[in-house]
Amino acid sequence: MTPEELRRELGISLSQQGKLSFGKARELADMTVWAFQQLLGSRGIPVHYDLRDYEEDLASLKELGRV
């Protein structure tokens, strides 16, 4: 398993267990919001994306200069 695959699987697992928010799990997995959401959906894992997650993602995008 590559380091990228390991981060992705860890992000998925921690998100599914509710130990990381969607936004933080996505960051750990190093995936876009949409790609991570699709990955979770393809595995039948419900997406819990709330206002806090949105605000975290928005702050991250601002830090990256993408907003």
N, C-alpha and C. Protein backbone atom coordinates (compact mmCIF):
# COMPACT_ATOMS: atom_id res chain seq x y z
N MET A 1 0.86 -1.18 0.00
CA MET A 1 0.00 0.00 0.00
C MET A 1 0.90 1.24 0.00
N THR A 2 0.60 2.16 -0.87
CA THR A 2 1.40 3.38 -0.95
C THR A 2 1.00 4.33 0.19
N PRO A 3 1.86 5.31 0.50
CA PRO A 3 1.49 6.29 1.53
C PRO A 3 0.19 7.03 1.19
N GLU A 4 -0.03 7.31 -0.09
CA GLU A 4 -1.25 7.98 -0.51
C GLU A 4 -2.48 7.11 -0.24
N GLU A 5 -2.38 5.84 -0.55
CA GLU A 5 -3.49 4.91 -0.31
C GLU A 5 -3.76 4.78 1.19
N LEU A 6 -2.70 4.74 1.97
CA LEU A 6 -2.83 4.63 3.43
C LEU A 6 -3.54 5.85 4.01
N ARG A 7 -3.15 7.06 3.56
CA ARG A 7 -3.81 8.28 4.03
C ARG A 7 -5.29 8.28 3.64
N ARG A 8 -5.57 7.83 2.42
CA ARG A 8 -6.95 7.79 1.94
C ARG A 8 -7.78 6.83 2.81
N GLU A 9 -7.26 5.65 3.05
CA GLU A 9 -7.99 4.66 3.85
C GLU A 9 -8.16 5.13 5.29
N LEU A 10 -7.15 5.78 5.83
CA LEU A 10 -7.24 6.30 7.19
C LEU A 10 -8.30 7.41 7.27
N GLY A 11 -8.31 8.29 6.28
CA GLY A 11 -9.32 9.34 6.23
C GLY A 11 -10.72 8.78 6.15
N ILE A 12 -10.90 7.76 5.32
CA ILE A 12 -12.21 7.12 5.19
C ILE A 12 -12.63 6.50 6.52
N SER A 13 -11.74 5.75 7.11
CA SER A 13 -12.05 5.07 8.36
C SER A 13 -12.39 6.04 9.49
N LEU A 14 -11.58 7.07 9.65
CA LEU A 14 -11.82 8.03 10.72
C LEU A 14 -13.09 8.84 10.49
N SER A 15 -13.40 9.11 9.24
CA SER A 15 -14.65 9.80 8.91
C SER A 15 -15.84 8.92 9.24
N GLN A 16 -15.75 7.67 8.85
CA GLN A 16 -16.84 6.72 9.07
C GLN A 16 -17.09 6.52 10.57
N GLN A 17 -16.04 6.54 11.37
CA GLN A 17 -16.16 6.36 12.81
C GLN A 17 -16.60 7.63 13.52
N GLY A 18 -16.64 8.75 12.79
CA GLY A 18 -17.01 10.02 13.40
C GLY A 18 -15.90 10.65 14.20
N LYS A 19 -14.67 10.18 14.01
CA LYS A 19 -13.53 10.72 14.75
C LYS A 19 -12.92 11.93 14.07
N LEU A 20 -13.19 12.08 12.77
CA LEU A 20 -12.76 13.26 12.02
C LEU A 20 -13.96 13.78 11.25
N SER A 21 -14.05 15.08 11.14
CA SER A 21 -15.09 15.67 10.32
C SER A 21 -14.81 15.32 8.85
N PHE A 22 -15.82 15.50 8.03
CA PHE A 22 -15.65 15.25 6.60
C PHE A 22 -14.47 16.06 6.05
N GLY A 23 -14.43 17.34 6.41
CA GLY A 23 -13.38 18.22 5.90
C GLY A 23 -11.99 17.79 6.30
N LYS A 24 -11.81 17.42 7.56
CA LYS A 24 -10.49 16.99 8.03
C LYS A 24 -10.12 15.64 7.45
N ALA A 25 -11.08 14.75 7.33
CA ALA A 25 -10.81 13.44 6.73
C ALA A 25 -10.42 13.59 5.27
N ARG A 26 -11.10 14.51 4.59
CA ARG A 26 -10.78 14.78 3.18
C ARG A 26 -9.38 15.33 3.04
N GLU A 27 -9.01 16.24 3.96
CA GLU A 27 -7.66 16.80 3.93
C GLU A 27 -6.63 15.70 4.16
N LEU A 28 -6.88 14.82 5.13
CA LEU A 28 -5.98 13.72 5.40
C LEU A 28 -5.83 12.83 4.17
N ALA A 29 -6.93 12.58 3.50
CA ALA A 29 -6.92 11.74 2.30
C ALA A 29 -6.31 12.46 1.10
N ASP A 30 -6.10 13.77 1.23
CA ASP A 30 -5.53 14.60 0.17
C ASP A 30 -6.36 14.49 -1.12
N MET A 31 -7.68 14.70 -0.94
CA MET A 31 -8.60 14.61 -2.06
C MET A 31 -9.47 15.85 -2.09
N THR A 32 -10.03 16.15 -3.25
CA THR A 32 -10.98 17.24 -3.35
C THR A 32 -12.27 16.84 -2.64
N VAL A 33 -13.08 17.83 -2.33
CA VAL A 33 -14.37 17.56 -1.68
C VAL A 33 -15.17 16.57 -2.51
N TRP A 34 -15.26 16.83 -3.78
CA TRP A 34 -16.11 16.01 -4.66
C TRP A 34 -15.56 14.60 -4.81
N ALA A 35 -14.25 14.47 -4.96
CA ALA A 35 -13.65 13.15 -5.12
C ALA A 35 -13.82 12.31 -3.85
N PHE A 36 -13.62 12.96 -2.68
CA PHE A 36 -13.77 12.23 -1.42
C PHE A 36 -15.23 11.83 -1.21
N GLN A 37 -16.14 12.73 -1.54
CA GLN A 37 -17.56 12.43 -1.41
C GLN A 37 -17.95 11.26 -2.31
N GLN A 38 -17.45 11.26 -3.53
CA GLN A 38 -17.75 10.16 -4.45
C GLN A 38 -17.16 8.84 -3.96
N LEU A 39 -15.95 8.91 -3.41
CA LEU A 39 -15.31 7.70 -2.89
C LEU A 39 -16.12 7.12 -1.73
N LEU A 40 -16.53 7.98 -0.81
CA LEU A 40 -17.36 7.50 0.30
C LEU A 40 -18.66 6.89 -0.23
N GLY A 41 -19.28 7.57 -1.17
CA GLY A 41 -20.53 7.07 -1.75
C GLY A 41 -20.35 5.74 -2.45
N SER A 42 -19.23 5.57 -3.14
CA SER A 42 -18.99 4.31 -3.85
C SER A 42 -18.83 3.14 -2.90
N ARG A 43 -18.48 3.46 -1.65
CA ARG A 43 -18.33 2.41 -0.63
C ARG A 43 -19.55 2.31 0.28
N GLY A 44 -20.59 3.08 -0.05
CA GLY A 44 -21.81 3.03 0.73
C GLY A 44 -21.71 3.70 2.09
N ILE A 45 -20.76 4.62 2.23
CA ILE A 45 -20.56 5.33 3.49
C ILE A 45 -21.29 6.66 3.40
N PRO A 46 -22.23 6.90 4.31
CA PRO A 46 -22.97 8.17 4.26
C PRO A 46 -22.06 9.36 4.54
N VAL A 47 -22.32 10.44 3.84
CA VAL A 47 -21.54 11.65 3.99
C VAL A 47 -22.21 12.55 5.01
N HIS A 48 -21.48 12.92 6.03
CA HIS A 48 -21.98 13.84 7.05
C HIS A 48 -21.22 15.15 6.86
N TYR A 49 -21.77 16.02 6.06
CA TYR A 49 -21.13 17.28 5.72
C TYR A 49 -22.01 18.39 6.24
N ASP A 50 -21.57 19.02 7.33
CA ASP A 50 -22.41 20.05 7.95
C ASP A 50 -21.79 21.43 7.78
N LEU A 51 -22.40 22.41 8.41
CA LEU A 51 -21.94 23.79 8.29
C LEU A 51 -20.50 23.94 8.76
N ARG A 52 -20.14 23.29 9.86
CA ARG A 52 -18.77 23.37 10.35
C ARG A 52 -17.78 22.84 9.32
N ASP A 53 -18.12 21.72 8.70
CA ASP A 53 -17.26 21.16 7.66
C ASP A 53 -17.10 22.14 6.49
N TYR A 54 -18.21 22.75 6.09
CA TYR A 54 -18.17 23.73 5.01
C TYR A 54 -17.25 24.90 5.38
N GLU A 55 -17.40 25.40 6.59
CA GLU A 55 -16.58 26.53 7.03
C GLU A 55 -15.10 26.16 7.09
N GLU A 56 -14.79 24.94 7.51
CA GLU A 56 -13.39 24.48 7.52
C GLU A 56 -12.84 24.41 6.10
N ASP A 57 -13.64 23.87 5.19
CA ASP A 57 -13.20 23.79 3.79
C ASP A 57 -13.02 25.17 3.19
N LEU A 58 -13.93 26.07 3.48
CA LEU A 58 -13.82 27.43 2.98
C LEU A 58 -12.56 28.11 3.50
N ALA A 59 -12.26 27.93 4.78
CA ALA A 59 -11.05 28.50 5.37
C ALA A 59 -9.80 27.92 4.71
N SER A 60 -9.81 26.62 4.44
CA SER A 60 -8.67 25.99 3.77
C SER A 60 -8.48 26.55 2.37
N LEU A 61 -9.58 26.73 1.65
CA LEU A 61 -9.49 27.30 0.30
C LEU A 61 -8.96 28.72 0.33
N LYS A 62 -9.37 29.49 1.32
CA LYS A 62 -8.87 30.86 1.45
C LYS A 62 -7.38 30.86 1.72
N GLU A 63 -6.92 29.94 2.58
CA GLU A 63 -5.50 29.84 2.88
C GLU A 63 -4.70 29.51 1.61
N LEU A 64 -5.30 28.71 0.75
CA LEU A 64 -4.62 28.32 -0.49
C LEU A 64 -4.77 29.36 -1.59
N GLY A 65 -5.53 30.41 -1.29
CA GLY A 65 -5.73 31.47 -2.28
C GLY A 65 -6.66 31.08 -3.41
N ARG A 66 -7.57 30.15 -3.15
CA ARG A 66 -8.48 29.69 -4.19
C ARG A 66 -9.86 30.31 -4.07
N VAL A 67 -10.06 31.18 -3.07
CA VAL A 67 -11.35 31.86 -2.92
C VAL A 67 -11.09 33.33 -2.79
